[in-house]
Amino acid sequence: NVPFTLDTLTLIAPYAMTLALVGLMESLMTAKVVDDQTETSSNHAREARGQGIANVLVGFFGGMASCAMIGQTMINIKSGARTRFSTFLAGVFLLILCVGLGDIVGMIPIAALVAVMFFV
């Protein structure tokens, strides 16, 4: 249990700001790559606001902050995906893997997962 005091907030503020900036830069770079690949334009301010709001809210529920996933995004684009439905399906698939098949996924050696990450 971490106390919700000004001292605690002052202690974690520099780390939180650093992680927020790294996540924001990665998301904006991902958006730029997507814009270039699909020859479209996106609203980067809207992307930043949405990510910020979501990351603040998820913290209240014990979750971890996140940012755009360049690997998944590029796989979606290279596969021909052009709508948000592909991202939704990827999220549902990850949810099924984590919640429904967590015990089975836990048996996969980390080395195999690292190899998949290198490939992606």
PDB file of N, CA and C in Angstrom:
ATOM      1  N   ASN A   1       0.840  -1.188   0.000  1.00  0.00           N
ATOM      2  CA  ASN A   1       0.000   0.000   0.000  1.00  0.00           C
ATOM      3  C   ASN A   1       0.883   1.248   0.000  1.00  0.00           C
ATOM      4  N   VAL A   2       0.737   2.022  -1.028  1.00  0.00           N
ATOM      5  CA  VAL A   2       1.500   3.257  -1.157  1.00  0.00           C
ATOM      6  C   VAL A   2       0.614   4.407  -0.700  1.00  0.00           C
ATOM      7  N   PRO A   3       1.106   5.228   0.219  1.00  0.00           N
ATOM      8  CA  PRO A   3       0.280   6.350   0.690  1.00  0.00           C
ATOM      9  C   PRO A   3       0.103   7.398  -0.406  1.00  0.00           C
ATOM     10  N   PHE A   4      -1.086   7.927  -0.492  1.00  0.00           N
ATOM     11  CA  PHE A   4      -1.404   8.963  -1.478  1.00  0.00           C
ATOM     12  C   PHE A   4      -1.162  10.327  -0.848  1.00  0.00           C
ATOM     13  N   THR A   5       0.116  10.719  -0.777  1.00  0.00           N
ATOM     14  CA  THR A   5       0.485  11.989  -0.150  1.00  0.00           C
ATOM     15  C   THR A   5       1.300  12.821  -1.132  1.00  0.00           C
ATOM     16  N   LEU A   6       1.524  14.054  -0.767  1.00  0.00           N
ATOM     17  CA  LEU A   6       2.324  14.954  -1.606  1.00  0.00           C
ATOM     18  C   LEU A   6       3.765  14.459  -1.709  1.00  0.00           C
ATOM     19  N   ASP A   7       4.300  13.892  -0.633  1.00  0.00           N
ATOM     20  CA  ASP A   7       5.658  13.349  -0.679  1.00  0.00           C
ATOM     21  C   ASP A   7       5.778  12.221  -1.704  1.00  0.00           C
ATOM     22  N   THR A   8       4.791  11.347  -1.732  1.00  0.00           N
ATOM     23  CA  THR A   8       4.805  10.241  -2.687  1.00  0.00           C
ATOM     24  C   THR A   8       4.727  10.767  -4.118  1.00  0.00           C
ATOM     25  N   LEU A   9       3.829  11.715  -4.337  1.00  0.00           N
ATOM     26  CA  LEU A   9       3.689  12.285  -5.672  1.00  0.00           C
ATOM     27  C   LEU A   9       4.963  13.004  -6.117  1.00  0.00           C
ATOM     28  N   THR A  10       5.623  13.694  -5.204  1.00  0.00           N
ATOM     29  CA  THR A  10       6.878  14.383  -5.544  1.00  0.00           C
ATOM     30  C   THR A  10       7.971  13.377  -5.875  1.00  0.00           C
ATOM     31  N   LEU A  11       7.951  12.251  -5.205  1.00  0.00           N
ATOM     32  CA  LEU A  11       8.955  11.228  -5.454  1.00  0.00           C
ATOM     33  C   LEU A  11       8.783  10.578  -6.824  1.00  0.00           C
ATOM     34  N   ILE A  12       7.553  10.286  -7.213  1.00  0.00           N
ATOM     35  CA  ILE A  12       7.335   9.575  -8.469  1.00  0.00           C
ATOM     36  C   ILE A  12       7.155  10.494  -9.672  1.00  0.00           C
ATOM     37  N   ALA A  13       6.970  11.794  -9.460  1.00  0.00           N
ATOM     38  CA  ALA A  13       6.699  12.726 -10.563  1.00  0.00           C
ATOM     39  C   ALA A  13       7.760  12.693 -11.662  1.00  0.00           C
ATOM     40  N   PRO A  14       9.064  12.752 -11.351  1.00  0.00           N
ATOM     41  CA  PRO A  14      10.048  12.733 -12.448  1.00  0.00           C
ATOM     42  C   PRO A  14       9.998  11.450 -13.278  1.00  0.00           C
ATOM     43  N   TYR A  15       9.807  10.314 -12.619  1.00  0.00           N
ATOM     44  CA  TYR A  15       9.729   9.047 -13.334  1.00  0.00           C
ATOM     45  C   TYR A  15       8.459   8.978 -14.180  1.00  0.00           C
ATOM     46  N   ALA A  16       7.359   9.455 -13.611  1.00  0.00           N
ATOM     47  CA  ALA A  16       6.092   9.446 -14.334  1.00  0.00           C
ATOM     48  C   ALA A  16       6.161  10.338 -15.569  1.00  0.00           C
ATOM     49  N   MET A  17       6.762  11.500 -15.425  1.00  0.00           N
ATOM     50  CA  MET A  17       6.890  12.419 -16.561  1.00  0.00           C
ATOM     51  C   MET A  17       7.792  11.825 -17.647  1.00  0.00           C
ATOM     52  N   THR A  18       8.875  11.179 -17.238  1.00  0.00           N
ATOM     53  CA  THR A  18       9.783  10.559 -18.204  1.00  0.00           C
ATOM     54  C   THR A  18       9.070   9.461 -18.975  1.00  0.00           C
ATOM     55  N   LEU A  19       8.363   8.591 -18.274  1.00  0.00           N
ATOM     56  CA  LEU A  19       7.636   7.514 -18.943  1.00  0.00           C
ATOM     57  C   LEU A  19       6.526   8.059 -19.839  1.00  0.00           C
ATOM     58  N   ALA A  20       5.861   9.106 -19.392  1.00  0.00           N
ATOM     59  CA  ALA A  20       4.802   9.707 -20.200  1.00  0.00           C
ATOM     60  C   ALA A  20       5.372  10.286 -21.492  1.00  0.00           C
ATOM     61  N   LEU A  21       6.511  10.950 -21.398  1.00  0.00           N
ATOM     62  CA  LEU A  21       7.126  11.523 -22.597  1.00  0.00           C
ATOM     63  C   LEU A  21       7.606  10.443 -23.560  1.00  0.00           C
ATOM     64  N   VAL A  22       8.203   9.385 -23.040  1.00  0.00           N
ATOM     65  CA  VAL A  22       8.655   8.290 -23.903  1.00  0.00           C
ATOM     66  C   VAL A  22       7.460   7.638 -24.598  1.00  0.00           C
ATOM     67  N   GLY A  23       6.393   7.365 -23.849  1.00  0.00           N
ATOM     68  CA  GLY A  23       5.191   6.775 -24.433  1.00  0.00           C
ATOM     69  C   GLY A  23       4.550   7.683 -25.463  1.00  0.00           C
ATOM     70  N   LEU A  24       4.519   8.981 -25.169  1.00  0.00           N
ATOM     71  CA  LEU A  24       3.935   9.934 -26.106  1.00  0.00           C
ATOM     72  C   LEU A  24       4.751  10.004 -27.394  1.00  0.00           C
ATOM     73  N   MET A  25       6.081  10.050 -27.264  1.00  0.00           N
ATOM     74  CA  MET A  25       6.929  10.098 -28.461  1.00  0.00           C
ATOM     75  C   MET A  25       6.768   8.837 -29.299  1.00  0.00           C
ATOM     76  N   GLU A  26       6.718   7.686 -28.648  1.00  0.00           N
ATOM     77  CA  GLU A  26       6.552   6.441 -29.404  1.00  0.00           C
ATOM     78  C   GLU A  26       5.206   6.405 -30.114  1.00  0.00           C
ATOM     79  N   SER A  27       4.163   6.837 -29.444  1.00  0.00           N
ATOM     80  CA  SER A  27       2.840   6.848 -30.070  1.00  0.00           C
ATOM     81  C   SER A  27       2.788   7.811 -31.244  1.00  0.00           C
ATOM     82  N   LEU A  28       3.390   8.979 -31.084  1.00  0.00           N
ATOM     83  CA  LEU A  28       3.372   9.953 -32.180  1.00  0.00           C
ATOM     84  C   LEU A  28       4.237   9.490 -33.351  1.00  0.00           C
ATOM     85  N   MET A  29       5.355   8.818 -33.051  1.00  0.00           N
ATOM     86  CA  MET A  29       6.167   8.264 -34.144  1.00  0.00           C
ATOM     87  C   MET A  29       5.412   7.147 -34.856  1.00  0.00           C
ATOM     88  N   THR A  30       4.693   6.340 -34.102  1.00  0.00           N
ATOM     89  CA  THR A  30       3.877   5.285 -34.715  1.00  0.00           C
ATOM     90  C   THR A  30       2.808   5.895 -35.608  1.00  0.00           C
ATOM     91  N   ALA A  31       2.156   6.950 -35.129  1.00  0.00           N
ATOM     92  CA  ALA A  31       1.133   7.631 -35.927  1.00  0.00           C
ATOM     93  C   ALA A  31       1.735   8.195 -37.212  1.00  0.00           C
ATOM     94  N   LYS A  32       2.932   8.731 -37.131  1.00  0.00           N
ATOM     95  CA  LYS A  32       3.615   9.273 -38.308  1.00  0.00           C
ATOM     96  C   LYS A  32       3.921   8.171 -39.313  1.00  0.00           C
ATOM     97  N   VAL A  33       4.408   7.026 -38.832  1.00  0.00           N
ATOM     98  CA  VAL A  33       4.706   5.901 -39.717  1.00  0.00           C
ATOM     99  C   VAL A  33       3.417   5.410 -40.385  1.00  0.00           C
ATOM    100  N   VAL A  34       2.344   5.312 -39.625  1.00  0.00           N
ATOM    101  CA  VAL A  34       1.059   4.881 -40.180  1.00  0.00           C
ATOM    102  C   VAL A  34       0.584   5.878 -41.233  1.00  0.00           C
ATOM    103  N   ASP A  35       0.703   7.160 -40.938  1.00  0.00           N
ATOM    104  CA  ASP A  35       0.309   8.186 -41.902  1.00  0.00           C
ATOM    105  C   ASP A  35       1.102   8.043 -43.198  1.00  0.00           C
ATOM    106  N   ASP A  36       2.397   7.797 -43.086  1.00  0.00           N
ATOM    107  CA  ASP A  36       3.234   7.646 -44.275  1.00  0.00           C
ATOM    108  C   ASP A  36       2.887   6.381 -45.049  1.00  0.00           C
ATOM    109  N   GLN A  37       2.655   5.281 -44.345  1.00  0.00           N
ATOM    110  CA  GLN A  37       2.362   4.005 -45.003  1.00  0.00           C
ATOM    111  C   GLN A  37       0.998   4.011 -45.692  1.00  0.00           C
ATOM    112  N   THR A  38       0.020   4.644 -45.068  1.00  0.00           N
ATOM    113  CA  THR A  38      -1.345   4.618 -45.607  1.00  0.00           C
ATOM    114  C   THR A  38      -1.686   5.865 -46.410  1.00  0.00           C
ATOM    115  N   GLU A  39      -0.751   6.802 -46.478  1.00  0.00           N
ATOM    116  CA  GLU A  39      -0.958   8.071 -47.186  1.00  0.00           C
ATOM    117  C   GLU A  39      -2.207   8.794 -46.695  1.00  0.00           C
ATOM    118  N   THR A  40      -2.370   8.814 -45.378  1.00  0.00           N
ATOM    119  CA  THR A  40      -3.466   9.533 -44.735  1.00  0.00           C
ATOM    120  C   THR A  40      -2.866  10.468 -43.696  1.00  0.00           C
ATOM    121  N   SER A  41      -3.712  11.238 -43.058  1.00  0.00           N
ATOM    122  CA  SER A  41      -3.221  12.077 -41.956  1.00  0.00           C
ATOM    123  C   SER A  41      -4.091  11.826 -40.734  1.00  0.00           C
ATOM    124  N   SER A  42      -3.462  11.867 -39.573  1.00  0.00           N
ATOM    125  CA  SER A  42      -4.200  11.661 -38.326  1.00  0.00           C
ATOM    126  C   SER A  42      -4.058  12.896 -37.451  1.00  0.00           C
ATOM    127  N   ASN A  43      -4.921  12.987 -36.467  1.00  0.00           N
ATOM    128  CA  ASN A  43      -4.901  14.113 -35.538  1.00  0.00           C
ATOM    129  C   ASN A  43      -3.992  13.747 -34.366  1.00  0.00           C
ATOM    130  N   HIS A  44      -2.775  14.248 -34.391  1.00  0.00           N
ATOM    131  CA  HIS A  44      -1.794  13.873 -33.373  1.00  0.00           C
ATOM    132  C   HIS A  44      -2.159  14.422 -31.996  1.00  0.00           C
ATOM    133  N   ALA A  45      -2.795  15.583 -31.937  1.00  0.00           N
ATOM    134  CA  ALA A  45      -3.220  16.135 -30.647  1.00  0.00           C
ATOM    135  C   ALA A  45      -4.296  15.249 -30.024  1.00  0.00           C
ATOM    136  N   ARG A  46      -5.195  14.753 -30.850  1.00  0.00           N
ATOM    137  CA  ARG A  46      -6.247  13.849 -30.360  1.00  0.00           C
ATOM    138  C   ARG A  46      -5.635  12.544 -29.851  1.00  0.00           C
ATOM    139  N   GLU A  47      -4.650  12.043 -30.569  1.00  0.00           N
ATOM    140  CA  GLU A  47      -3.942  10.824 -30.151  1.00  0.00           C
ATOM    141  C   GLU A  47      -3.300  11.033 -28.784  1.00  0.00           C
ATOM    142  N   ALA A  48      -2.628  12.162 -28.595  1.00  0.00           N
ATOM    143  CA  ALA A  48      -1.942  12.450 -27.333  1.00  0.00           C
ATOM    144  C   ALA A  48      -2.937  12.592 -26.185  1.00  0.00           C
ATOM    145  N   ARG A  49      -4.036  13.307 -26.425  1.00  0.00           N
ATOM    146  CA  ARG A  49      -5.061  13.460 -25.381  1.00  0.00           C
ATOM    147  C   ARG A  49      -5.671  12.118 -24.997  1.00  0.00           C
ATOM    148  N   GLY A  50      -6.016  11.328 -25.991  1.00  0.00           N
ATOM    149  CA  GLY A  50      -6.630  10.018 -25.723  1.00  0.00           C
ATOM    150  C   GLY A  50      -5.709   9.118 -24.928  1.00  0.00           C
ATOM    151  N   GLN A  51      -4.437   9.089 -25.314  1.00  0.00           N
ATOM    152  CA  GLN A  51      -3.480   8.255 -24.593  1.00  0.00           C
ATOM    153  C   GLN A  51      -3.292   8.750 -23.170  1.00  0.00           C
ATOM    154  N   GLY A  52      -3.204  10.048 -22.982  1.00  0.00           N
ATOM    155  CA  GLY A  52      -3.022  10.610 -21.645  1.00  0.00           C
ATOM    156  C   GLY A  52      -4.190  10.298 -20.730  1.00  0.00           C
ATOM    157  N   ILE A  53      -5.391  10.514 -21.233  1.00  0.00           N
ATOM    158  CA  ILE A  53      -6.591  10.250 -20.427  1.00  0.00           C
ATOM    159  C   ILE A  53      -6.679   8.766 -20.074  1.00  0.00           C
ATOM    160  N   ALA A  54      -6.448   7.902 -21.061  1.00  0.00           N
ATOM    161  CA  ALA A  54      -6.526   6.460 -20.819  1.00  0.00           C
ATOM    162  C   ALA A  54      -5.477   6.017 -19.801  1.00  0.00           C
ATOM    163  N   ASN A  55      -4.261   6.540 -19.904  1.00  0.00           N
ATOM    164  CA  ASN A  55      -3.200   6.130 -18.992  1.00  0.00           C
ATOM    165  C   ASN A  55      -3.462   6.602 -17.564  1.00  0.00           C
ATOM    166  N   VAL A  56      -4.045   7.769 -17.406  1.00  0.00           N
ATOM    167  CA  VAL A  56      -4.384   8.248 -16.066  1.00  0.00           C
ATOM    168  C   VAL A  56      -5.498   7.377 -15.479  1.00  0.00           C
ATOM    169  N   LEU A  57      -6.523   7.099 -16.274  1.00  0.00           N
ATOM    170  CA  LEU A  57      -7.648   6.300 -15.778  1.00  0.00           C
ATOM    171  C   LEU A  57      -7.237   4.873 -15.442  1.00  0.00           C
ATOM    172  N   VAL A  58      -6.401   4.257 -16.274  1.00  0.00           N
ATOM    173  CA  VAL A  58      -6.011   2.870 -16.023  1.00  0.00           C
ATOM    174  C   VAL A  58      -5.220   2.748 -14.721  1.00  0.00           C
ATOM    175  N   GLY A  59      -4.511   3.796 -14.351  1.00  0.00           N
ATOM    176  CA  GLY A  59      -3.766   3.783 -13.094  1.00  0.00           C
ATOM    177  C   GLY A  59      -4.660   3.653 -11.875  1.00  0.00           C
ATOM    178  N   PHE A  60      -5.862   4.196 -11.944  1.00  0.00           N
ATOM    179  CA  PHE A  60      -6.795   4.101 -10.825  1.00  0.00           C
ATOM    180  C   PHE A  60      -7.363   2.694 -10.652  1.00  0.00           C
ATOM    181  N   PHE A  61      -7.221   1.860 -11.676  1.00  0.00           N
ATOM    182  CA  PHE A  61      -7.734   0.496 -11.613  1.00  0.00           C
ATOM    183  C   PHE A  61      -6.615  -0.532 -11.480  1.00  0.00           C
ATOM    184  N   GLY A  62      -5.408  -0.069 -11.172  1.00  0.00           N
ATOM    185  CA  GLY A  62      -4.290  -0.976 -10.962  1.00  0.00           C
ATOM    186  C   GLY A  62      -3.609  -1.442 -12.227  1.00  0.00           C
ATOM    187  N   GLY A  63      -3.930  -0.823 -13.354  1.00  0.00           N
ATOM    188  CA  GLY A  63      -3.311  -1.205 -14.620  1.00  0.00           C
ATOM    189  C   GLY A  63      -2.004  -0.473 -14.852  1.00  0.00           C
ATOM    190  N   MET A  64      -1.384  -0.787 -15.975  1.00  0.00           N
ATOM    191  CA  MET A  64      -0.116  -0.157 -16.335  1.00  0.00           C
ATOM    192  C   MET A  64      -0.341   0.749 -17.539  1.00  0.00           C
ATOM    193  N   ALA A  65       0.350   1.872 -17.530  1.00  0.00           N
ATOM    194  CA  ALA A  65       0.266   2.795 -18.660  1.00  0.00           C
ATOM    195  C   ALA A  65       0.845   2.129 -19.898  1.00  0.00           C
ATOM    196  N   SER A  66       0.410   2.586 -21.058  1.00  0.00           N
ATOM    197  CA  SER A  66       0.852   1.970 -22.295  1.00  0.00           C
ATOM    198  C   SER A  66       0.963   3.018 -23.388  1.00  0.00           C
ATOM    199  N   CYS A  67       1.471   2.588 -24.517  1.00  0.00           N
ATOM    200  CA  CYS A  67       1.559   3.466 -25.676  1.00  0.00           C
ATOM    201  C   CYS A  67       1.304   2.636 -26.924  1.00  0.00           C
ATOM    202  N   ALA A  68       1.380   3.278 -28.077  1.00  0.00           N
ATOM    203  CA  ALA A  68       1.132   2.572 -29.334  1.00  0.00           C
ATOM    204  C   ALA A  68       2.135   1.437 -29.508  1.00  0.00           C
ATOM    205  N   MET A  69       1.672   0.354 -30.089  1.00  0.00           N
ATOM    206  CA  MET A  69       2.539  -0.808 -30.308  1.00  0.00           C
ATOM    207  C   MET A  69       2.947  -0.825 -31.776  1.00  0.00           C
ATOM    208  N   ILE A  70       4.165  -0.390 -32.047  1.00  0.00           N
ATOM    209  CA  ILE A  70       4.624  -0.257 -33.427  1.00  0.00           C
ATOM    210  C   ILE A  70       4.624  -1.598 -34.156  1.00  0.00           C
ATOM    211  N   GLY A  71       5.007  -2.672 -33.468  1.00  0.00           N
ATOM    212  CA  GLY A  71       5.035  -3.984 -34.110  1.00  0.00           C
ATOM    213  C   GLY A  71       3.660  -4.431 -34.564  1.00  0.00           C
ATOM    214  N   GLN A  72       2.697  -4.375 -33.656  1.00  0.00           N
ATOM    215  CA  GLN A  72       1.332  -4.774 -33.995  1.00  0.00           C
ATOM    216  C   GLN A  72       0.765  -3.870 -35.079  1.00  0.00           C
ATOM    217  N   THR A  73       1.034  -2.585 -34.983  1.00  0.00           N
ATOM    218  CA  THR A  73       0.519  -1.633 -35.960  1.00  0.00           C
ATOM    219  C   THR A  73       1.053  -1.931 -37.347  1.00  0.00           C
ATOM    220  N   MET A  74       2.351  -2.179 -37.448  1.00  0.00           N
ATOM    221  CA  MET A  74       2.939  -2.452 -38.760  1.00  0.00           C
ATOM    222  C   MET A  74       2.446  -3.783 -39.327  1.00  0.00           C
ATOM    223  N   ILE A  75       2.264  -4.783 -38.471  1.00  0.00           N
ATOM    224  CA  ILE A  75       1.718  -6.059 -38.948  1.00  0.00           C
ATOM    225  C   ILE A  75       0.307  -5.842 -39.480  1.00  0.00           C
ATOM    226  N   ASN A  76      -0.495  -5.060 -38.773  1.00  0.00           N
ATOM    227  CA  ASN A  76      -1.857  -4.763 -39.233  1.00  0.00           C
ATOM    228  C   ASN A  76      -1.829  -4.073 -40.592  1.00  0.00           C
ATOM    229  N   ILE A  77      -0.977  -3.070 -40.742  1.00  0.00           N
ATOM    230  CA  ILE A  77      -0.927  -2.310 -41.991  1.00  0.00           C
ATOM    231  C   ILE A  77      -0.439  -3.183 -43.138  1.00  0.00           C
ATOM    232  N   LYS A  78       0.628  -3.948 -42.895  1.00  0.00           N
ATOM    233  CA  LYS A  78       1.171  -4.822 -43.945  1.00  0.00           C
ATOM    234  C   LYS A  78       0.164  -5.911 -44.335  1.00  0.00           C
ATOM    235  N   SER A  79      -0.738  -6.257 -43.412  1.00  0.00           N
ATOM    236  CA  SER A  79      -1.753  -7.275 -43.699  1.00  0.00           C
ATOM    237  C   SER A  79      -2.965  -6.682 -44.400  1.00  0.00           C
ATOM    238  N   GLY A  80      -2.997  -5.370 -44.558  1.00  0.00           N
ATOM    239  CA  GLY A  80      -4.100  -4.729 -45.268  1.00  0.00           C
ATOM    240  C   GLY A  80      -5.148  -4.083 -44.377  1.00  0.00           C
ATOM    241  N   ALA A  81      -4.959  -4.088 -43.075  1.00  0.00           N
ATOM    242  CA  ALA A  81      -5.940  -3.483 -42.162  1.00  0.00           C
ATOM    243  C   ALA A  81      -5.918  -1.965 -42.300  1.00  0.00           C
ATOM    244  N   ARG A  82      -7.100  -1.368 -42.319  1.00  0.00           N
ATOM    245  CA  ARG A  82      -7.186   0.092 -42.433  1.00  0.00           C
ATOM    246  C   ARG A  82      -8.176   0.716 -41.452  1.00  0.00           C
ATOM    247  N   THR A  83      -8.810  -0.094 -40.616  1.00  0.00           N
ATOM    248  CA  THR A  83      -9.807   0.451 -39.687  1.00  0.00           C
ATOM    249  C   THR A  83      -9.429   0.125 -38.246  1.00  0.00           C
ATOM    250  N   ARG A  84     -10.170   0.713 -37.320  1.00  0.00           N
ATOM    251  CA  ARG A  84      -9.932   0.466 -35.896  1.00  0.00           C
ATOM    252  C   ARG A  84     -10.359  -0.937 -35.476  1.00  0.00           C
ATOM    253  N   PHE A  85     -11.139  -1.595 -36.304  1.00  0.00           N
ATOM    254  CA  PHE A  85     -11.620  -2.935 -35.974  1.00  0.00           C
ATOM    255  C   PHE A  85     -10.457  -3.915 -35.821  1.00  0.00           C
ATOM    256  N   SER A  86      -9.408  -3.741 -36.620  1.00  0.00           N
ATOM    257  CA  SER A  86      -8.249  -4.636 -36.517  1.00  0.00           C
ATOM    258  C   SER A  86      -7.559  -4.467 -35.170  1.00  0.00           C
ATOM    259  N   THR A  87      -7.473  -3.242 -34.686  1.00  0.00           N
ATOM    260  CA  THR A  87      -6.886  -2.997 -33.376  1.00  0.00           C
ATOM    261  C   THR A  87      -7.760  -3.577 -32.279  1.00  0.00           C
ATOM    262  N   PHE A  88      -9.065  -3.431 -32.423  1.00  0.00           N
ATOM    263  CA  PHE A  88     -10.003  -4.005 -31.455  1.00  0.00           C
ATOM    264  C   PHE A  88      -9.845  -5.529 -31.386  1.00  0.00           C
ATOM    265  N   LEU A  89      -9.763  -6.169 -32.548  1.00  0.00           N
ATOM    266  CA  LEU A  89      -9.608  -7.622 -32.573  1.00  0.00           C
ATOM    267  C   LEU A  89      -8.274  -8.057 -31.960  1.00  0.00           C
ATOM    268  N   ALA A  90      -7.215  -7.287 -32.191  1.00  0.00           N
ATOM    269  CA  ALA A  90      -5.924  -7.615 -31.577  1.00  0.00           C
ATOM    270  C   ALA A  90      -6.031  -7.532 -30.055  1.00  0.00           C
ATOM    271  N   GLY A  91      -6.737  -6.516 -29.549  1.00  0.00           N
ATOM    272  CA  GLY A  91      -6.939  -6.384 -28.110  1.00  0.00           C
ATOM    273  C   GLY A  91      -7.753  -7.520 -27.537  1.00  0.00           C
ATOM    274  N   VAL A  92      -8.802  -7.930 -28.249  1.00  0.00           N
ATOM    275  CA  VAL A  92      -9.634  -9.055 -27.796  1.00  0.00           C
ATOM    276  C   VAL A  92      -8.799 -10.336 -27.771  1.00  0.00           C
ATOM    277  N   PHE A  93      -7.976 -10.540 -28.795  1.00  0.00           N
ATOM    278  CA  PHE A  93      -7.129 -11.725 -28.851  1.00  0.00           C
ATOM    279  C   PHE A  93      -6.148 -11.745 -27.680  1.00  0.00           C
ATOM    280  N   LEU A  94      -5.543 -10.580 -27.369  1.00  0.00           N
ATOM    281  CA  LEU A  94      -4.631 -10.505 -26.226  1.00  0.00           C
ATOM    282  C   LEU A  94      -5.355 -10.767 -24.916  1.00  0.00           C
ATOM    283  N   LEU A  95      -6.579 -10.269 -24.791  1.00  0.00           N
ATOM    284  CA  LEU A  95      -7.376 -10.513 -23.593  1.00  0.00           C
ATOM    285  C   LEU A  95      -7.665 -12.009 -23.427  1.00  0.00           C
ATOM    286  N   ILE A  96      -8.019 -12.655 -24.519  1.00  0.00           N
ATOM    287  CA  ILE A  96      -8.275 -14.102 -24.457  1.00  0.00           C
ATOM    288  C   ILE A  96      -7.008 -14.845 -24.064  1.00  0.00           C
ATOM    289  N   LEU A  97      -5.872 -14.454 -24.651  1.00  0.00           N
ATOM    290  CA  LEU A  97      -4.605 -15.108 -24.313  1.00  0.00           C
ATOM    291  C   LEU A  97      -4.260 -14.941 -22.835  1.00  0.00           C
ATOM    292  N   CYS A  98      -4.428 -13.715 -22.322  1.00  0.00           N
ATOM    293  CA  CYS A  98      -4.033 -13.444 -20.934  1.00  0.00           C
ATOM    294  C   CYS A  98      -5.000 -14.039 -19.921  1.00  0.00           C
ATOM    295  N   VAL A  99      -6.281 -13.869 -20.151  1.00  0.00           N
ATOM    296  CA  VAL A  99      -7.272 -14.298 -19.166  1.00  0.00           C
ATOM    297  C   VAL A  99      -7.667 -15.766 -19.361  1.00  0.00           C
ATOM    298  N   GLY A 100      -8.006 -16.121 -20.576  1.00  0.00           N
ATOM    299  CA  GLY A 100      -8.506 -17.463 -20.819  1.00  0.00           C
ATOM    300  C   GLY A 100      -7.432 -18.531 -20.932  1.00  0.00           C
ATOM    301  N   LEU A 101      -6.314 -18.173 -21.555  1.00  0.00           N
ATOM    302  CA  LEU A 101      -5.266 -19.156 -21.799  1.00  0.00           C
ATOM    303  C   LEU A 101      -3.974 -18.825 -21.061  1.00  0.00           C
ATOM    304  N   GLY A 102      -4.069 -18.062 -19.984  1.00  0.00           N
ATOM    305  CA  GLY A 102      -2.895 -17.616 -19.238  1.00  0.00           C
ATOM    306  C   GLY A 102      -1.994 -18.729 -18.758  1.00  0.00           C
ATOM    307  N   ASP A 103      -2.586 -19.820 -18.292  1.00  0.00           N
ATOM    308  CA  ASP A 103      -1.784 -20.947 -17.802  1.00  0.00           C
ATOM    309  C   ASP A 103      -0.986 -21.596 -18.928  1.00  0.00           C
ATOM    310  N   ILE A 104      -1.608 -21.731 -20.083  1.00  0.00           N
ATOM    311  CA  ILE A 104      -0.922 -22.335 -21.231  1.00  0.00           C
ATOM    312  C   ILE A 104       0.163 -21.401 -21.757  1.00  0.00           C
ATOM    313  N   VAL A 105      -0.169 -20.117 -21.879  1.00  0.00           N
ATOM    314  CA  VAL A 105       0.810 -19.141 -22.361  1.00  0.00           C
ATOM    315  C   VAL A 105       1.981 -19.058 -21.397  1.00  0.00           C
ATOM    316  N   GLY A 106       1.741 -19.238 -20.110  1.00  0.00           N
ATOM    317  CA  GLY A 106       2.801 -19.194 -19.112  1.00  0.00           C
ATOM    318  C   GLY A 106       3.832 -20.297 -19.276  1.00  0.00           C
ATOM    319  N   MET A 107       3.477 -21.360 -19.988  1.00  0.00           N
ATOM    320  CA  MET A 107       4.416 -22.460 -20.222  1.00  0.00           C
ATOM    321  C   MET A 107       5.351 -22.204 -21.411  1.00  0.00           C
ATOM    322  N   ILE A 108       5.075 -21.150 -22.197  1.00  0.00           N
ATOM    323  CA  ILE A 108       5.930 -20.844 -23.352  1.00  0.00           C
ATOM    324  C   ILE A 108       7.256 -20.286 -22.835  1.00  0.00           C
ATOM    325  N   PRO A 109       8.377 -20.841 -23.277  1.00  0.00           N
ATOM    326  CA  PRO A 109       9.677 -20.336 -22.814  1.00  0.00           C
ATOM    327  C   PRO A 109       9.895 -18.883 -23.231  1.00  0.00           C
ATOM    328  N   ILE A 110      10.480 -18.108 -22.339  1.00  0.00           N
ATOM    329  CA  ILE A 110      10.748 -16.696 -22.612  1.00  0.00           C
ATOM    330  C   ILE A 110      11.621 -16.542 -23.856  1.00  0.00           C
ATOM    331  N   ALA A 111      12.562 -17.460 -24.060  1.00  0.00           N
ATOM    332  CA  ALA A 111      13.448 -17.385 -25.226  1.00  0.00           C
ATOM    333  C   ALA A 111      12.646 -17.424 -26.529  1.00  0.00           C
ATOM    334  N   ALA A 112      11.587 -18.215 -26.565  1.00  0.00           N
ATOM    335  CA  ALA A 112      10.750 -18.287 -27.759  1.00  0.00           C
ATOM    336  C   ALA A 112      10.018 -16.969 -27.979  1.00  0.00           C
ATOM    337  N   LEU A 113       9.541 -16.352 -26.895  1.00  0.00           N
ATOM    338  CA  LEU A 113       8.857 -15.063 -27.015  1.00  0.00           C
ATOM    339  C   LEU A 113       9.814 -13.969 -27.465  1.00  0.00           C
ATOM    340  N   VAL A 114      11.058 -14.032 -26.969  1.00  0.00           N
ATOM    341  CA  VAL A 114      12.068 -13.050 -27.382  1.00  0.00           C
ATOM    342  C   VAL A 114      12.357 -13.203 -28.874  1.00  0.00           C
ATOM    343  N   ALA A 115      12.430 -14.441 -29.351  1.00  0.00           N
ATOM    344  CA  ALA A 115      12.667 -14.673 -30.777  1.00  0.00           C
ATOM    345  C   ALA A 115      11.531 -14.082 -31.624  1.00  0.00           C
ATOM    346  N   VAL A 116      10.303 -14.236 -31.158  1.00  0.00           N
ATOM    347  CA  VAL A 116       9.168 -13.664 -31.876  1.00  0.00           C
ATOM    348  C   VAL A 116       9.271 -12.139 -31.883  1.00  0.00           C
ATOM    349  N   MET A 117       9.648 -11.552 -30.752  1.00  0.00           N
ATOM    350  CA  MET A 117       9.792 -10.092 -30.687  1.00  0.00           C
ATOM    351  C   MET A 117      10.874  -9.604 -31.649  1.00  0.00           C
ATOM    352  N   PHE A 118      12.000 -10.309 -31.712  1.00  0.00           N
ATOM    353  CA  PHE A 118      13.062  -9.916 -32.647  1.00  0.00           C
ATOM    354  C   PHE A 118      12.566  -9.977 -34.084  1.00  0.00           C
ATOM    355  N   PHE A 119      11.795 -11.025 -34.386  1.00  0.00           N
ATOM    356  CA  PHE A 119      11.277 -11.173 -35.738  1.00  0.00           C
ATOM    357  C   PHE A 119      10.336 -10.032 -36.081  1.00  0.00           C
ATOM    358  N   VAL A 120       9.437  -9.707 -35.158  1.00  0.00           N
ATOM    359  CA  VAL A 120       8.479  -8.616 -35.384  1.00  0.00           C
ATOM    360  C   VAL A 120       9.223  -7.293 -35.510  1.00  0.00           C
TER     361      VAL A 120
END
